[in-house]
Amino acid sequence: LQVFGSQRPAALIVAGIDQTPASRKLLESAGCPVVQVMETGPDPVDMMVGFSHLDGGRAATEHLIEAGYRRIGFIGARMDPRSQRRLAGYRAAMEAAGLFDSRLVTTTPVLSSVSLGREMFRDALAKVPTLDGVFCNNDDIALGVLFECHRASIAVPKTIGIVGFNDLDMMQVAFPSVTSIRTHRYEIGRRAVAMALAAIAGNRPEQRIVDLGFELKRRESTAR
């Protein structure tokens, strides 16, 4: 931010809302429009466009509960603030249904990958052999869970239901296809640029916080 600030940018687009106090102070004193992207919160530096990761996590978990799954695990890698909010949404849904058990949560700070998803699912099953559903903090982890189910002859969705997050293209072509939370990443970027350009032109948007929401894409991995 100090480097960008010294170049006197016309606007700044910043990922996330969890800046350190020092970084936030730099953004507030940047002297140009600032748009925070990929999530929403109550206190934007200037403008904000994204969605609620907490609500996304809650919706994914509620879908599994409504589909009849009960021992639903959360598997998450690289637990940054956005993933922490997805976990909070999972926990809120599980507690509301009287189903939460801390043993159902398996997380790591390690960077996400498909192979890591396989390993973490094995760890989750070792802790809770009765696991019958999994909400993963991203699609890489969800695919790893699916591949491990194939390797171990665990039927999806009959024995285990799987939900991912982001809805990358591969989720539609996996077998079975994988339910996921679709996030509108392209539209978030397009809207952020439009807001920044409008502010540069002196037409600062009246709506400082734009929530584009998300979609739950129901597929075969939870179609019990």
Protein backbone atom coordinates (compact mmCIF):
# COMPACT_ATOMS: atom_id res chain seq x y z
CA LEU A 1 0.00 0.00 0.00
CA GLN A 2 2.87 2.39 0.72
CA VAL A 3 4.30 1.68 -2.74
CA PHE A 4 0.95 2.23 -4.44
CA GLY A 5 0.33 5.37 -2.41
CA SER A 6 3.61 6.89 -3.51
CA GLN A 7 2.49 6.46 -7.13
CA ARG A 8 -0.63 8.57 -6.52
CA PRO A 9 -3.18 6.08 -7.93
CA ALA A 10 -6.52 7.28 -9.27
CA ALA A 11 -8.27 4.54 -7.24
CA LEU A 12 -7.50 1.41 -5.23
CA ILE A 13 -9.30 -1.95 -5.33
CA VAL A 14 -8.39 -4.09 -2.33
CA ALA A 15 -9.28 -7.73 -1.63
CA GLY A 16 -10.95 -8.39 1.71
CA ILE A 17 -12.09 -6.31 4.67
CA ASP A 18 -9.62 -7.47 7.32
CA GLN A 19 -6.86 -4.93 6.90
CA THR A 20 -4.55 -4.25 9.84
CA PRO A 21 -5.04 -0.91 11.62
CA ALA A 22 -1.91 0.42 9.88
CA SER A 23 -3.14 -0.71 6.45
CA ARG A 24 -6.60 0.73 7.05
CA LYS A 25 -5.05 4.06 8.02
CA LEU A 26 -3.07 4.05 4.76
CA LEU A 27 -6.25 3.35 2.78
CA GLU A 28 -8.20 6.07 4.58
CA SER A 29 -5.47 8.60 3.81
CA ALA A 30 -4.88 7.45 0.22
CA GLY A 31 -6.64 10.50 -1.23
CA CYS A 32 -8.46 8.44 -3.87
CA PRO A 33 -11.52 6.17 -4.13
CA VAL A 34 -11.07 2.79 -2.40
CA VAL A 35 -13.19 -0.30 -3.14
CA GLN A 36 -12.90 -3.38 -0.92
CA VAL A 37 -13.97 -6.54 -2.75
CA MET A 38 -15.00 -10.18 -2.22
CA GLU A 39 -17.03 -9.68 0.96
CA THR A 40 -19.22 -7.23 2.80
CA GLY A 41 -19.16 -5.76 6.29
CA PRO A 42 -20.60 -2.87 8.29
CA ASP A 43 -17.62 -0.51 8.11
CA PRO A 44 -16.14 0.09 4.64
CA VAL A 45 -13.05 2.23 4.23
CA ASP A 46 -14.89 3.89 1.34
CA MET A 47 -16.88 1.51 -0.88
CA MET A 48 -17.38 -2.25 -0.77
CA VAL A 49 -18.72 -4.97 -3.09
CA GLY A 50 -19.01 -8.67 -2.33
CA PHE A 51 -21.16 -11.04 -0.28
CA SER A 52 -21.46 -12.60 3.17
CA HIS A 53 -19.18 -15.61 3.64
CA LEU A 54 -20.92 -16.35 6.94
CA ASP A 55 -24.29 -16.57 5.20
CA GLY A 56 -22.75 -18.75 2.48
CA GLY A 57 -21.39 -21.19 5.04
CA ARG A 58 -24.72 -21.28 6.82
CA ALA A 59 -26.64 -21.91 3.57
CA ALA A 60 -24.33 -24.77 2.57
CA THR A 61 -24.73 -26.45 5.95
CA GLU A 62 -28.49 -25.92 6.12
CA HIS A 63 -28.78 -27.57 2.71
CA LEU A 64 -27.01 -30.68 4.00
CA ILE A 65 -29.25 -30.75 7.08
CA GLU A 66 -32.38 -30.38 4.94
CA ALA A 67 -31.15 -33.25 2.74
CA GLY A 68 -31.14 -35.50 5.80
CA TYR A 69 -27.46 -35.50 6.77
CA ARG A 70 -26.69 -35.20 10.48
CA ARG A 71 -23.01 -35.90 11.26
CA ILE A 72 -21.82 -33.07 9.03
CA GLY A 73 -18.16 -32.15 9.10
CA PHE A 74 -16.40 -28.93 8.15
CA ILE A 75 -13.10 -29.39 6.32
CA GLY A 76 -11.07 -26.24 5.67
CA ALA A 77 -7.56 -25.32 4.54
CA ARG A 78 -5.77 -21.98 4.58
CA MET A 79 -8.16 -20.63 7.18
CA ASP A 80 -8.01 -16.94 6.30
CA PRO A 81 -10.68 -14.54 7.62
CA ARG A 82 -13.11 -15.39 4.81
CA SER A 83 -12.83 -19.11 5.54
CA GLN A 84 -13.21 -18.39 9.24
CA ARG A 85 -16.53 -16.73 8.46
CA ARG A 86 -17.63 -19.75 6.40
CA LEU A 87 -16.80 -21.90 9.42
CA ALA A 88 -18.81 -19.55 11.64
CA GLY A 89 -21.80 -19.97 9.31
CA TYR A 90 -21.42 -23.76 9.45
CA ARG A 91 -21.28 -23.68 13.23
CA ALA A 92 -24.33 -21.40 13.48
CA ALA A 93 -26.40 -23.78 11.33
CA MET A 94 -25.23 -26.86 13.22
CA GLU A 95 -25.88 -25.29 16.63
CA ALA A 96 -29.35 -24.14 15.55
CA ALA A 97 -30.14 -27.75 14.61
CA GLY A 98 -28.61 -29.15 17.81
CA LEU A 99 -25.97 -31.02 15.79
CA PHE A 100 -22.68 -29.25 16.49
CA ASP A 101 -19.75 -31.29 17.78
CA SER A 102 -16.24 -29.80 17.79
CA ARG A 103 -14.83 -33.16 16.60
CA LEU A 104 -16.62 -32.57 13.30
CA VAL A 105 -14.32 -29.62 12.48
CA THR A 106 -11.04 -30.36 10.68
CA THR A 107 -8.90 -27.38 9.65
CA THR A 108 -5.32 -26.49 8.74
CA PRO A 109 -3.45 -23.26 7.86
CA VAL A 110 -1.75 -25.11 4.98
CA LEU A 111 -2.49 -23.90 1.44
CA SER A 112 -5.42 -25.68 -0.15
CA SER A 113 -5.09 -28.45 -2.75
CA VAL A 114 -7.04 -31.44 -4.01
CA SER A 115 -4.53 -33.88 -2.50
CA LEU A 116 -4.79 -32.08 0.84
CA GLY A 117 -8.56 -32.53 0.68
CA ARG A 118 -8.07 -36.30 0.44
CA GLU A 119 -5.76 -36.30 3.46
CA MET A 120 -8.04 -34.10 5.55
CA PHE A 121 -11.07 -36.23 4.78
CA ARG A 122 -9.19 -39.31 5.98
CA ASP A 123 -8.34 -37.42 9.18
CA ALA A 124 -11.97 -36.35 9.61
CA LEU A 125 -13.19 -39.94 9.23
CA ALA A 126 -10.60 -41.17 11.73
CA LYS A 127 -12.03 -38.72 14.29
CA VAL A 128 -15.70 -39.34 13.45
CA PRO A 129 -16.28 -42.66 11.64
CA THR A 130 -20.02 -41.90 11.50
CA LEU A 131 -19.47 -38.77 9.38
CA ASP A 132 -22.23 -38.57 6.76
CA GLY A 133 -21.80 -35.09 5.27
CA VAL A 134 -19.01 -32.61 4.57
CA PHE A 135 -19.00 -28.87 3.93
CA CYS A 136 -15.63 -27.87 2.49
CA ASN A 137 -14.30 -24.31 2.57
CA ASN A 138 -13.46 -24.45 -1.15
CA ASP A 139 -13.88 -26.61 -4.23
CA ASP A 140 -10.32 -28.04 -4.25
CA ILE A 141 -10.93 -29.57 -0.84
CA ALA A 142 -14.36 -30.83 -1.94
CA LEU A 143 -12.86 -32.58 -4.98
CA GLY A 144 -10.24 -34.20 -2.77
CA VAL A 145 -13.02 -35.52 -0.54
CA LEU A 146 -14.86 -36.86 -3.60
CA PHE A 147 -11.74 -38.62 -4.95
CA GLU A 148 -11.05 -40.21 -1.56
CA CYS A 149 -14.65 -41.42 -1.43
CA HIS A 150 -14.12 -43.10 -4.82
CA ARG A 151 -10.85 -44.67 -3.65
CA ALA A 152 -12.43 -45.98 -0.44
CA SER A 153 -15.69 -47.10 -2.13
CA ILE A 154 -17.77 -44.65 -0.08
CA ALA A 155 -21.01 -43.93 -1.92
CA VAL A 156 -21.76 -40.28 -2.74
CA PRO A 157 -24.40 -39.03 -1.96
CA LYS A 158 -25.90 -42.13 -0.29
CA THR A 159 -23.28 -42.49 2.47
CA ILE A 160 -21.60 -39.07 2.35
CA GLY A 161 -22.94 -35.74 1.07
CA ILE A 162 -20.43 -33.14 -0.17
CA VAL A 163 -20.73 -29.36 -0.59
CA GLY A 164 -17.96 -27.07 -1.86
CA PHE A 165 -17.55 -23.31 -2.08
CA ASN A 166 -16.99 -21.01 -5.13
CA ASP A 167 -18.54 -23.34 -7.76
CA LEU A 168 -15.60 -23.65 -10.13
CA ASP A 169 -16.32 -25.24 -13.53
CA MET A 170 -14.97 -28.63 -12.46
CA MET A 171 -17.79 -29.04 -9.96
CA GLN A 172 -20.29 -29.43 -12.78
CA VAL A 173 -18.29 -32.11 -14.63
CA ALA A 174 -17.15 -34.16 -11.63
CA PHE A 175 -18.83 -37.54 -11.12
CA PRO A 176 -21.07 -37.24 -9.32
CA SER A 177 -21.42 -33.51 -9.88
CA VAL A 178 -20.72 -31.55 -6.71
CA THR A 179 -23.05 -29.12 -4.94
CA SER A 180 -21.31 -25.80 -4.28
CA ILE A 181 -21.88 -22.19 -3.28
CA ARG A 182 -21.52 -20.11 -6.45
CA THR A 183 -19.84 -16.75 -5.86
CA HIS A 184 -20.15 -13.99 -8.44
CA ARG A 185 -16.44 -13.21 -8.74
CA TYR A 186 -16.56 -11.77 -12.27
CA GLU A 187 -19.46 -9.46 -11.43
CA ILE A 188 -17.74 -8.36 -8.21
CA GLY A 189 -14.70 -7.29 -10.23
CA ARG A 190 -16.79 -5.57 -12.90
CA ARG A 191 -18.87 -3.70 -10.33
CA ALA A 192 -15.78 -2.65 -8.33
CA VAL A 193 -14.19 -1.09 -11.41
CA ALA A 194 -17.45 0.65 -12.31
CA MET A 195 -17.74 2.10 -8.80
CA ALA A 196 -14.12 3.27 -8.84
CA LEU A 197 -14.48 4.91 -12.27
CA ALA A 198 -17.71 6.64 -11.24
CA ALA A 199 -16.04 8.02 -8.11
CA ILE A 200 -13.04 9.23 -10.13
CA ALA A 201 -15.46 11.08 -12.42
CA GLY A 202 -17.08 12.76 -9.42
CA ASN A 203 -20.19 10.57 -9.44
CA ARG A 204 -19.59 8.64 -6.25
CA PRO A 205 -22.29 5.93 -5.88
CA GLU A 206 -24.90 6.57 -3.19
CA GLN A 207 -24.80 2.87 -2.26
CA ARG A 208 -21.41 2.39 -0.60
CA ILE A 209 -21.95 -1.30 0.23
CA VAL A 210 -23.07 -3.59 -2.61
CA ASP A 211 -24.01 -7.15 -1.61
CA LEU A 212 -24.18 -9.36 -4.71
CA GLY A 213 -25.10 -12.45 -2.73
CA PHE A 214 -24.37 -16.05 -3.77
CA GLU A 215 -26.19 -19.08 -5.17
CA LEU A 216 -26.45 -22.59 -3.80
CA LYS A 217 -26.00 -24.85 -6.85
CA ARG A 218 -27.62 -28.16 -5.92
CA ARG A 219 -26.09 -31.16 -7.67
CA GLU A 220 -25.75 -34.93 -7.39
CA SER A 221 -23.37 -34.97 -4.41
CA THR A 222 -26.24 -34.08 -2.05
CA ALA A 223 -29.20 -35.59 -3.97
CA ARG A 224 -30.03 -38.36 -1.52
